[in-house]
């Protein structure tokens, strides 16, 4: 059996890519949640303060 240092590097790289993708998804989720919260807060404030 020949040793393949390449394989280990590839696996490490794949793990890092997977971790990066997960972090990206987390950032996107947090950003979208924050946007939704800000939008609903703004909407509620506007509804409360508009002269009807």
PDB file of N, CA and C in Angstrom:
ATOM      1  N   UNK A   1       0.833  -1.207   0.000  1.00  0.00           N
ATOM      2  CA  UNK A   1       0.000   0.000   0.000  1.00  0.00           C
ATOM      3  C   UNK A   1       0.867   1.257   0.000  1.00  0.00           C
ATOM      4  N   UNK A   2       0.619   2.104  -0.940  1.00  0.00           N
ATOM      5  CA  UNK A   2       1.370   3.355  -1.009  1.00  0.00           C
ATOM      6  C   UNK A   2       0.643   4.423  -0.191  1.00  0.00           C
ATOM      7  N   UNK A   3       1.431   5.253   0.443  1.00  0.00           N
ATOM      8  CA  UNK A   3       0.827   6.345   1.205  1.00  0.00           C
ATOM      9  C   UNK A   3       0.453   7.473   0.255  1.00  0.00           C
ATOM     10  N   UNK A   4      -0.668   8.082   0.486  1.00  0.00           N
ATOM     11  CA  UNK A   4      -1.106   9.190  -0.358  1.00  0.00           C
ATOM     12  C   UNK A   4      -1.313  10.443   0.500  1.00  0.00           C
ATOM     13  N   UNK A   5      -0.295  11.306   0.557  1.00  0.00           N
ATOM     14  CA  UNK A   5      -0.445  12.545   1.332  1.00  0.00           C
ATOM     15  C   UNK A   5      -1.496  13.466   0.727  1.00  0.00           C
ATOM     16  N   UNK A   6      -1.700  13.298  -0.574  1.00  0.00           N
ATOM     17  CA  UNK A   6      -2.691  14.090  -1.286  1.00  0.00           C
ATOM     18  C   UNK A   6      -4.082  13.931  -0.694  1.00  0.00           C
ATOM     19  N   UNK A   7      -4.402  12.684  -0.395  1.00  0.00           N
ATOM     20  CA  UNK A   7      -5.744  12.364   0.085  1.00  0.00           C
ATOM     21  C   UNK A   7      -6.076  13.124   1.366  1.00  0.00           C
ATOM     22  N   UNK A   8      -5.116  13.127   2.274  1.00  0.00           N
ATOM     23  CA  UNK A   8      -5.337  13.815   3.558  1.00  0.00           C
ATOM     24  C   UNK A   8      -5.551  15.312   3.330  1.00  0.00           C
ATOM     25  N   UNK A   9      -4.732  15.888   2.459  1.00  0.00           N
ATOM     26  CA  UNK A   9      -4.880  17.318   2.146  1.00  0.00           C
ATOM     27  C   UNK A   9      -6.252  17.611   1.561  1.00  0.00           C
ATOM     28  N   UNK A  10      -6.667  16.745   0.641  1.00  0.00           N
ATOM     29  CA  UNK A  10      -7.967  16.954   0.013  1.00  0.00           C
ATOM     30  C   UNK A  10      -9.079  16.903   1.039  1.00  0.00           C
ATOM     31  N   UNK A  11      -8.971  15.953   1.963  1.00  0.00           N
ATOM     32  CA  UNK A  11     -10.026  15.816   2.972  1.00  0.00           C
ATOM     33  C   UNK A  11     -10.060  17.039   3.872  1.00  0.00           C
ATOM     34  N   UNK A  12      -8.866  17.537   4.215  1.00  0.00           N
ATOM     35  CA  UNK A  12      -8.798  18.725   5.071  1.00  0.00           C
ATOM     36  C   UNK A  12      -9.404  19.919   4.350  1.00  0.00           C
ATOM     37  N   UNK A  13      -9.072  20.042   3.064  1.00  0.00           N
ATOM     38  CA  UNK A  13      -9.607  21.136   2.257  1.00  0.00           C
ATOM     39  C   UNK A  13     -11.123  21.040   2.162  1.00  0.00           C
ATOM     40  N   UNK A  14     -11.622  19.816   1.941  1.00  0.00           N
ATOM     41  CA  UNK A  14     -13.070  19.623   1.843  1.00  0.00           C
ATOM     42  C   UNK A  14     -13.748  19.998   3.158  1.00  0.00           C
ATOM     43  N   UNK A  15     -13.120  19.635   4.273  1.00  0.00           N
ATOM     44  CA  UNK A  15     -13.694  19.971   5.582  1.00  0.00           C
ATOM     45  C   UNK A  15     -13.740  21.489   5.763  1.00  0.00           C
ATOM     46  N   UNK A  16     -12.668  22.162   5.318  1.00  0.00           N
ATOM     47  CA  UNK A  16     -12.653  23.617   5.474  1.00  0.00           C
ATOM     48  C   UNK A  16     -13.713  24.270   4.595  1.00  0.00           C
ATOM     49  N   UNK A  17     -13.856  23.757   3.378  1.00  0.00           N
ATOM     50  CA  UNK A  17     -14.883  24.299   2.481  1.00  0.00           C
ATOM     51  C   UNK A  17     -16.266  24.100   3.080  1.00  0.00           C
ATOM     52  N   UNK A  18     -16.481  22.896   3.645  1.00  0.00           N
ATOM     53  CA  UNK A  18     -17.778  22.603   4.252  1.00  0.00           C
ATOM     54  C   UNK A  18     -18.029  23.556   5.421  1.00  0.00           C
ATOM     55  N   UNK A  19     -17.000  23.782   6.245  1.00  0.00           N
ATOM     56  CA  UNK A  19     -17.138  24.683   7.388  1.00  0.00           C
ATOM     57  C   UNK A  19     -17.428  26.105   6.917  1.00  0.00           C
ATOM     58  N   UNK A  20     -16.725  26.525   5.854  1.00  0.00           N
ATOM     59  CA  UNK A  20     -16.958  27.867   5.306  1.00  0.00           C
ATOM     60  C   UNK A  20     -18.391  28.003   4.810  1.00  0.00           C
ATOM     61  N   UNK A  21     -18.867  26.960   4.136  1.00  0.00           N
ATOM     62  CA  UNK A  21     -20.224  27.016   3.603  1.00  0.00           C
ATOM     63  C   UNK A  21     -21.233  27.101   4.738  1.00  0.00           C
ATOM     64  N   UNK A  22     -20.988  26.317   5.806  1.00  0.00           N
ATOM     65  CA  UNK A  22     -21.894  26.342   6.951  1.00  0.00           C
ATOM     66  C   UNK A  22     -21.897  27.727   7.590  1.00  0.00           C
ATOM     67  N   UNK A  23     -20.711  28.322   7.727  1.00  0.00           N
ATOM     68  CA  UNK A  23     -20.613  29.664   8.301  1.00  0.00           C
ATOM     69  C   UNK A  23     -21.353  30.670   7.424  1.00  0.00           C
ATOM     70  N   UNK A  24     -21.216  30.508   6.108  1.00  0.00           N
ATOM     71  CA  UNK A  24     -21.914  31.401   5.195  1.00  0.00           C
ATOM     72  C   UNK A  24     -23.413  31.292   5.328  1.00  0.00           C
ATOM     73  N   UNK A  25     -23.885  30.051   5.462  1.00  0.00           N
ATOM     74  CA  UNK A  25     -25.326  29.848   5.636  1.00  0.00           C
ATOM     75  C   UNK A  25     -25.807  30.476   6.934  1.00  0.00           C
ATOM     76  N   UNK A  26     -24.994  30.333   7.993  1.00  0.00           N
ATOM     77  CA  UNK A  26     -25.351  30.910   9.295  1.00  0.00           C
ATOM     78  C   UNK A  26     -25.443  32.429   9.188  1.00  0.00           C
ATOM     79  N   UNK A  27     -24.452  33.035   8.537  1.00  0.00           N
ATOM     80  CA  UNK A  27     -24.449  34.493   8.360  1.00  0.00           C
ATOM     81  C   UNK A  27     -25.679  34.936   7.581  1.00  0.00           C
ATOM     82  N   UNK A  28     -25.986  34.194   6.511  1.00  0.00           N
ATOM     83  CA  UNK A  28     -27.163  34.535   5.712  1.00  0.00           C
ATOM     84  C   UNK A  28     -28.442  34.438   6.541  1.00  0.00           C
ATOM     85  N   UNK A  29     -28.541  33.371   7.337  1.00  0.00           N
ATOM     86  CA  UNK A  29     -29.734  33.180   8.159  1.00  0.00           C
ATOM     87  C   UNK A  29     -29.876  34.307   9.178  1.00  0.00           C
ATOM     88  N   UNK A  30     -28.777  34.660   9.823  1.00  0.00           N
ATOM     89  CA  UNK A  30     -28.810  35.740  10.818  1.00  0.00           C
ATOM     90  C   UNK A  30     -29.180  37.063  10.154  1.00  0.00           C
ATOM     91  N   UNK A  31     -28.582  37.306   8.983  1.00  0.00           N
ATOM     92  CA  UNK A  31     -28.860  38.558   8.271  1.00  0.00           C
ATOM     93  C   UNK A  31     -30.326  38.639   7.863  1.00  0.00           C
ATOM     94  N   UNK A  32     -30.869  37.549   7.353  1.00  0.00           N
ATOM     95  CA  UNK A  32     -32.267  37.573   6.921  1.00  0.00           C
ATOM     96  C   UNK A  32     -33.201  37.725   8.119  1.00  0.00           C
ATOM     97  N   UNK A  33     -32.851  37.068   9.232  1.00  0.00           N
ATOM     98  CA  UNK A  33     -33.670  37.201  10.440  1.00  0.00           C
ATOM     99  C   UNK A  33     -33.632  38.639  10.956  1.00  0.00           C
ATOM    100  N   UNK A  34     -32.443  39.235  10.953  1.00  0.00           N
ATOM    101  CA  UNK A  34     -32.311  40.618  11.409  1.00  0.00           C
ATOM    102  C   UNK A  34     -33.095  41.556  10.504  1.00  0.00           C
ATOM    103  N   UNK A  35     -33.027  41.320   9.207  1.00  0.00           N
ATOM    104  CA  UNK A  35     -33.768  42.157   8.258  1.00  0.00           C
ATOM    105  C   UNK A  35     -35.270  42.042   8.496  1.00  0.00           C
ATOM    106  N   UNK A  36     -35.735  40.808   8.693  1.00  0.00           N
ATOM    107  CA  UNK A  36     -37.164  40.596   8.936  1.00  0.00           C
ATOM    108  C   UNK A  36     -37.597  41.287  10.216  1.00  0.00           C
ATOM    109  N   UNK A  37     -36.777  41.161  11.264  1.00  0.00           N
ATOM    110  CA  UNK A  37     -37.100  41.793  12.546  1.00  0.00           C
ATOM    111  C   UNK A  37     -37.151  43.309  12.401  1.00  0.00           C
ATOM    112  N   UNK A  38     -36.128  43.865  11.726  1.00  0.00           N
ATOM    113  CA  UNK A  38     -36.085  45.314  11.539  1.00  0.00           C
ATOM    114  C   UNK A  38     -37.285  45.785  10.721  1.00  0.00           C
ATOM    115  N   UNK A  39     -37.630  45.042   9.684  1.00  0.00           N
ATOM    116  CA  UNK A  39     -38.763  45.424   8.832  1.00  0.00           C
ATOM    117  C   UNK A  39     -40.060  45.419   9.625  1.00  0.00           C
ATOM    118  N   UNK A  40     -40.276  44.351  10.392  1.00  0.00           N
ATOM    119  CA  UNK A  40     -41.523  44.267  11.154  1.00  0.00           C
ATOM    120  C   UNK A  40     -41.575  45.336  12.248  1.00  0.00           C
ATOM    121  N   UNK A  41     -40.426  45.608  12.867  1.00  0.00           N
ATOM    122  CA  UNK A  41     -40.373  46.653  13.895  1.00  0.00           C
ATOM    123  C   UNK A  41     -40.692  48.013  13.282  1.00  0.00           C
ATOM    124  N   UNK A  42     -40.081  48.286  12.150  1.00  0.00           N
ATOM    125  CA  UNK A  42     -40.308  49.551  11.453  1.00  0.00           C
ATOM    126  C   UNK A  42     -41.773  49.687  11.053  1.00  0.00           C
ATOM    127  N   UNK A  43     -42.333  48.591  10.552  1.00  0.00           N
ATOM    128  CA  UNK A  43     -43.728  48.595  10.135  1.00  0.00           C
ATOM    129  C   UNK A  43     -44.645  48.855  11.338  1.00  0.00           C
ATOM    130  N   UNK A  44     -44.369  48.189  12.449  1.00  0.00           N
ATOM    131  CA  UNK A  44     -45.183  48.376  13.650  1.00  0.00           C
ATOM    132  C   UNK A  44     -45.077  49.822  14.142  1.00  0.00           C
ATOM    133  N   UNK A  45     -43.850  50.368  14.134  1.00  0.00           N
ATOM    134  CA  UNK A  45     -43.662  51.742  14.581  1.00  0.00           C
ATOM    135  C   UNK A  45     -44.426  52.697  13.664  1.00  0.00           C
ATOM    136  N   UNK A  46     -44.343  52.470  12.346  1.00  0.00           N
ATOM    137  CA  UNK A  46     -45.024  53.335  11.385  1.00  0.00           C
ATOM    138  C   UNK A  46     -46.530  53.262  11.587  1.00  0.00           C
ATOM    139  N   UNK A  47     -47.049  52.051  11.789  1.00  0.00           N
ATOM    140  CA  UNK A  47     -48.486  51.894  12.009  1.00  0.00           C
ATOM    141  C   UNK A  47     -48.925  52.595  13.283  1.00  0.00           C
ATOM    142  N   UNK A  48     -48.080  52.551  14.300  1.00  0.00           N
ATOM    143  CA  UNK A  48     -48.433  53.153  15.588  1.00  0.00           C
ATOM    144  C   UNK A  48     -48.369  54.683  15.521  1.00  0.00           C
ATOM    145  N   UNK A  49     -47.452  55.218  14.705  1.00  0.00           N
ATOM    146  CA  UNK A  49     -47.233  56.664  14.723  1.00  0.00           C
ATOM    147  C   UNK A  49     -47.873  57.408  13.566  1.00  0.00           C
ATOM    148  N   UNK A  50     -48.417  56.709  12.604  1.00  0.00           N
ATOM    149  CA  UNK A  50     -49.073  57.410  11.518  1.00  0.00           C
ATOM    150  C   UNK A  50     -50.407  58.000  11.996  1.00  0.00           C
ATOM    151  N   UNK A  51     -50.708  59.207  11.586  1.00  0.00           N
ATOM    152  CA  UNK A  51     -51.989  59.799  11.950  1.00  0.00           C
ATOM    153  C   UNK A  51     -53.119  59.192  11.121  1.00  0.00           C
ATOM    154  N   UNK A  52     -53.932  58.394  11.743  1.00  0.00           N
ATOM    155  CA  UNK A  52     -55.007  57.725  10.997  1.00  0.00           C
ATOM    156  C   UNK A  52     -56.246  58.607  10.955  1.00  0.00           C
TER     157      UNK A  52
END
